[in-house]
């Protein structure tokens, strides 16, 4: 199992395929392992200005084959 708590590409380097290549590299270095990526829940703060950014991140991960688990609260 590979647990990634934070994954980011600097804004100036987004939309060039680096994120997809990074995910492919994670899959390559951990063949056969489950990969868990933490994301911010988009509705955790309905007033959050970055809600659309959170949704874009989730969409990116889904396009790369990841699934969203039901809301899990970590304490």
Protein backbone atom coordinates (compact mmCIF):
# COMPACT_ATOMS: atom_id res chain seq x y z
CA UNK A 1 0.00 0.00 0.00
CA UNK A 2 1.22 3.46 -0.89
CA UNK A 3 -0.29 6.41 0.98
CA UNK A 4 0.17 9.89 -0.51
CA UNK A 5 -0.99 12.65 1.78
CA UNK A 6 -0.11 15.52 -0.55
CA UNK A 7 0.47 15.62 -4.29
CA UNK A 8 0.90 18.89 -6.16
CA UNK A 9 2.32 20.36 -9.33
CA UNK A 10 3.35 24.01 -9.26
CA UNK A 11 0.80 26.17 -11.10
CA UNK A 12 3.30 27.19 -13.82
CA UNK A 13 3.79 23.51 -14.67
CA UNK A 14 0.15 22.40 -14.65
CA UNK A 15 -1.60 21.28 -17.86
CA UNK A 16 1.61 19.85 -19.35
CA UNK A 17 0.98 16.24 -18.31
CA UNK A 18 3.34 16.23 -15.32
CA UNK A 19 0.59 15.17 -12.90
CA UNK A 20 -0.31 12.16 -15.02
CA UNK A 21 3.35 11.25 -15.37
CA UNK A 22 3.80 11.51 -11.61
CA UNK A 23 0.85 9.18 -11.03
CA UNK A 24 2.28 6.74 -13.59
CA UNK A 25 5.60 6.86 -11.72
CA UNK A 26 3.86 6.11 -8.40
CA UNK A 27 2.17 3.13 -10.03
CA UNK A 28 5.49 1.98 -11.50
CA UNK A 29 7.39 2.11 -8.22
CA UNK A 30 4.66 0.26 -6.34
CA UNK A 31 3.40 -2.41 -8.78
CA UNK A 32 0.41 -4.34 -7.50
CA UNK A 33 0.00 -2.05 -4.50
CA UNK A 34 -3.03 0.00 -3.68
CA UNK A 35 -2.40 3.73 -3.86
CA UNK A 36 -4.34 6.02 -1.54
CA UNK A 37 -4.36 9.75 -2.22
CA UNK A 38 -5.77 12.13 0.35
CA UNK A 39 -7.94 14.95 -0.95
CA UNK A 40 -9.79 17.78 0.71
CA UNK A 41 -13.50 17.08 0.87
CA UNK A 42 -15.13 19.70 -1.40
CA UNK A 43 -18.12 20.32 0.87
CA UNK A 44 -16.24 20.53 4.16
CA UNK A 45 -16.55 24.31 4.02
CA UNK A 46 -19.32 25.48 1.71
CA UNK A 47 -17.87 28.99 1.74
CA UNK A 48 -14.39 27.82 0.73
CA UNK A 49 -13.12 29.83 -2.23
CA UNK A 50 -11.14 26.83 -3.41
CA UNK A 51 -14.11 24.45 -3.66
CA UNK A 52 -13.88 24.43 -7.46
CA UNK A 53 -10.17 23.66 -7.21
CA UNK A 54 -10.93 20.75 -4.87
CA UNK A 55 -13.46 19.40 -7.38
CA UNK A 56 -10.93 19.75 -10.21
CA UNK A 57 -8.39 17.75 -8.20
CA UNK A 58 -10.90 14.98 -7.58
CA UNK A 59 -11.84 14.94 -11.26
CA UNK A 60 -8.15 14.67 -12.19
CA UNK A 61 -7.67 11.65 -9.93
CA UNK A 62 -10.84 9.99 -11.24
CA UNK A 63 -9.61 10.48 -14.84
CA UNK A 64 -6.46 8.63 -13.82
CA UNK A 65 -8.36 5.63 -12.48
CA UNK A 66 -8.77 6.49 -8.82
CA UNK A 67 -12.05 6.03 -6.94
CA UNK A 68 -13.46 8.16 -4.19
CA UNK A 69 -14.21 6.44 -0.92
CA UNK A 70 -17.24 7.60 1.06
CA UNK A 71 -16.57 10.49 3.39
CA UNK A 72 -14.15 9.17 6.00
CA UNK A 73 -13.44 11.41 8.97
CA UNK A 74 -9.99 11.02 10.44
CA UNK A 75 -9.57 11.99 14.08
